[in-house]
Amino acid sequence: RLQREEARQQVFKTLQQMISPEDNTRHGSLDSSDLSIHIGSTYGVPYPALRTETPFLYDNETYPLDRVLAETLEVEDLSQLHLQYPCSKDKARLMSPLQNRSKRRAFHRCFDSFVTSHVIPLLHSKALASDVFYTNRHQLRKGKPQKIIYRYQAFPCIRIVRPGECSV
């Protein structure tokens, strides 16, 4: 327990130095109420250089996400969804095909292909260019390759907001 409390106090000290590095002469114990981190702080956020939203282009013939989603939802055109399913109609009925594994399989495959074949390589190249990877020099000297694991949400969160609806 003592080691955990010491580690906790070290975190507070580090945070305090990040918040006001010029005033690190304060003595005594810090506690969480002494600290205030700006809402825009990237402290504790992995790879902040990669979290900036940036537009990118992709081939919608190779990854026809919109067409496959429309087919999955059994609608002609996603841009006309509000006409087929106005606010008075139940959105749960519209989204119900996504609850069925066999009906959503084609969309899931297209999404998975898009993420693994396009997004991850794009993100990886951006990470290499930004030099954000931690490398274990000791392992590199031994000739052992470094493993880089990417994790992503297996099935995307799909939100449909029709005209006149509130967005979360």
Protein backbone atom coordinates (compact mmCIF):
# COMPACT_ATOMS: atom_id res chain seq x y z
CA ARG A 1 0.00 0.00 0.00
CA LEU A 2 2.83 2.35 0.77
CA GLN A 3 4.29 1.96 -2.74
CA ARG A 4 0.91 2.74 -4.28
CA GLU A 5 0.59 5.93 -2.22
CA GLU A 6 4.14 6.96 -3.14
CA ALA A 7 3.34 6.38 -6.83
CA ARG A 8 0.13 8.40 -6.42
CA GLN A 9 2.04 11.29 -4.85
CA GLN A 10 4.62 11.12 -7.66
CA VAL A 11 1.81 11.46 -10.22
CA PHE A 12 0.54 14.54 -8.38
CA LYS A 13 4.03 16.04 -8.36
CA THR A 14 4.43 15.38 -12.08
CA LEU A 15 1.04 16.92 -12.80
CA GLN A 16 1.88 19.96 -10.70
CA GLN A 17 5.11 20.45 -12.63
CA MET A 18 3.22 20.16 -15.91
CA ILE A 19 0.62 22.69 -14.81
CA SER A 20 3.04 25.24 -13.41
CA PRO A 21 6.65 24.21 -14.08
CA GLU A 22 8.04 27.57 -12.88
CA ASP A 23 6.54 27.11 -9.41
CA ASN A 24 7.73 23.69 -8.32
CA THR A 25 9.21 24.94 -5.07
CA ARG A 26 6.11 24.10 -3.03
CA HIS A 27 6.84 21.78 -0.14
CA GLY A 28 4.55 19.31 1.52
CA SER A 29 2.14 16.75 0.31
CA LEU A 30 -0.01 17.32 -2.74
CA ASP A 31 -3.48 15.97 -3.05
CA SER A 32 -5.88 15.70 -5.95
CA SER A 33 -7.83 18.79 -4.86
CA ASP A 34 -4.67 20.89 -5.31
CA LEU A 35 -4.54 20.14 -9.02
CA SER A 36 -6.57 21.41 -11.88
CA ILE A 37 -5.85 20.18 -15.38
CA HIS A 38 -7.07 22.23 -18.29
CA ILE A 39 -9.87 20.50 -20.20
CA GLY A 40 -7.74 20.61 -23.35
CA SER A 41 -4.78 18.90 -21.67
CA THR A 42 -3.36 15.84 -23.37
CA TYR A 43 -1.92 14.47 -20.14
CA GLY A 44 -2.53 10.73 -20.03
CA VAL A 45 -3.76 10.65 -23.63
CA PRO A 46 -1.83 8.13 -25.72
CA TYR A 47 -0.23 9.53 -28.87
CA PRO A 48 -1.76 13.04 -28.82
CA ALA A 49 -0.05 13.82 -32.14
CA LEU A 50 -2.27 11.21 -33.80
CA ARG A 51 -5.54 12.38 -32.28
CA THR A 52 -5.93 15.53 -34.34
CA GLU A 53 -8.81 15.14 -36.76
CA THR A 54 -7.65 15.44 -40.33
CA PRO A 55 -9.64 14.79 -43.47
CA PHE A 56 -8.40 12.09 -45.80
CA LEU A 57 -9.49 10.68 -49.12
CA TYR A 58 -10.30 7.07 -49.87
CA ASP A 59 -11.64 5.17 -52.85
CA ASN A 60 -15.36 4.63 -52.32
CA GLU A 61 -15.37 2.00 -55.07
CA THR A 62 -12.93 -0.11 -53.08
CA TYR A 63 -14.66 0.67 -49.78
CA PRO A 64 -18.34 1.31 -50.62
CA LEU A 65 -19.36 1.87 -47.01
CA ASP A 66 -22.36 4.06 -47.88
CA ARG A 67 -23.76 1.65 -50.48
CA VAL A 68 -23.28 -1.43 -48.30
CA LEU A 69 -24.84 0.33 -45.29
CA ALA A 70 -27.82 1.38 -47.43
CA GLU A 71 -28.25 -2.22 -48.62
CA THR A 72 -27.97 -3.46 -45.04
CA LEU A 73 -30.63 -1.01 -43.85
CA GLU A 74 -32.71 -1.85 -46.93
CA VAL A 75 -32.97 1.74 -48.14
CA GLU A 76 -32.31 3.16 -51.60
CA ASP A 77 -30.20 6.16 -50.68
CA LEU A 78 -28.84 7.20 -47.28
CA SER A 79 -29.21 10.88 -48.18
CA GLN A 80 -32.96 10.35 -48.56
CA LEU A 81 -33.35 8.41 -45.32
CA HIS A 82 -35.36 11.19 -43.71
CA LEU A 83 -38.03 10.78 -46.42
CA GLN A 84 -38.44 7.03 -45.95
CA TYR A 85 -38.12 7.23 -42.18
CA PRO A 86 -39.36 10.63 -41.00
CA CYS A 87 -39.09 11.49 -37.31
CA SER A 88 -42.56 10.09 -36.71
CA LYS A 89 -41.35 6.59 -37.68
CA ASP A 90 -39.47 4.38 -35.27
CA LYS A 91 -35.69 4.61 -35.69
CA ALA A 92 -35.33 1.20 -34.02
CA ARG A 93 -37.07 -0.40 -37.03
CA LEU A 94 -34.65 1.35 -39.38
CA MET A 95 -31.61 0.16 -37.42
CA SER A 96 -32.92 -3.37 -36.73
CA PRO A 97 -30.97 -5.04 -39.58
CA LEU A 98 -27.77 -4.04 -37.77
CA GLN A 99 -28.91 -6.13 -34.80
CA ASN A 100 -28.96 -9.24 -36.99
CA ARG A 101 -25.49 -10.77 -37.48
CA SER A 102 -26.20 -12.31 -40.88
CA LYS A 103 -27.79 -9.11 -42.25
CA ARG A 104 -24.95 -6.85 -41.11
CA ARG A 105 -22.16 -9.22 -42.23
CA ALA A 106 -21.51 -7.49 -45.59
CA PHE A 107 -21.27 -4.07 -43.94
CA HIS A 108 -19.06 -5.43 -41.19
CA ARG A 109 -16.68 -6.98 -43.74
CA CYS A 110 -16.52 -3.73 -45.72
CA PHE A 111 -15.86 -1.72 -42.55
CA ASP A 112 -13.21 -4.18 -41.36
CA SER A 113 -11.48 -4.08 -44.74
CA PHE A 114 -11.55 -0.27 -44.73
CA VAL A 115 -10.01 -0.03 -41.26
CA THR A 116 -7.35 -2.73 -41.73
CA SER A 117 -6.40 -1.96 -45.34
CA HIS A 118 -6.68 1.83 -45.39
CA VAL A 119 -7.03 3.53 -42.00
CA ILE A 120 -4.41 1.59 -40.03
CA PRO A 121 -1.71 1.94 -42.72
CA LEU A 122 -2.54 5.67 -42.95
CA LEU A 123 -2.33 6.03 -39.18
CA HIS A 124 0.89 4.01 -39.08
CA SER A 125 2.57 6.21 -41.69
CA LYS A 126 1.48 9.31 -39.78
CA ALA A 127 2.87 7.82 -36.56
CA LEU A 128 6.20 7.03 -38.22
CA ALA A 129 6.42 10.53 -39.66
CA SER A 130 5.63 12.03 -36.22
CA ASP A 131 8.15 9.74 -34.51
CA VAL A 132 5.66 8.80 -31.78
CA PHE A 133 6.58 5.15 -31.32
CA TYR A 134 8.41 4.08 -28.23
CA THR A 135 11.17 1.69 -29.19
CA ASN A 136 13.10 -0.61 -26.93
CA ARG A 137 16.69 -0.03 -28.07
CA HIS A 138 17.88 -3.06 -26.10
CA GLN A 139 15.52 -5.32 -28.07
CA LEU A 140 16.48 -3.64 -31.34
CA ARG A 141 20.18 -4.31 -30.71
CA LYS A 142 19.36 -7.99 -30.26
CA GLY A 143 17.67 -7.92 -33.66
CA LYS A 144 14.22 -8.60 -32.25
CA PRO A 145 11.42 -6.88 -34.15
CA GLN A 146 9.21 -4.45 -32.30
CA LYS A 147 5.53 -5.36 -32.15
CA ILE A 148 3.04 -2.60 -32.81
CA ILE A 149 -0.54 -3.56 -32.11
CA TYR A 150 -3.50 -1.56 -33.35
CA ARG A 151 -6.89 -1.96 -31.74
CA TYR A 152 -10.13 -0.61 -33.12
CA GLN A 153 -13.81 -0.88 -32.42
CA ALA A 154 -14.94 -4.11 -34.08
CA PHE A 155 -18.28 -2.69 -35.12
CA PRO A 156 -18.68 1.07 -35.53
CA CYS A 157 -21.12 3.22 -33.65
CA ILE A 158 -23.61 4.37 -36.27
CA ARG A 159 -25.67 7.45 -35.51
CA ILE A 160 -28.47 8.60 -37.72
CA VAL A 161 -29.74 12.09 -37.03
CA ARG A 162 -32.67 13.11 -39.17
CA PRO A 163 -33.76 16.72 -39.74
CA GLY A 164 -35.52 18.03 -36.66
CA GLU A 165 -33.90 15.53 -34.28
CA CYS A 166 -31.49 16.41 -31.51
CA SER A 167 -27.96 15.06 -31.76
CA VAL A 168 -26.15 13.71 -28.74
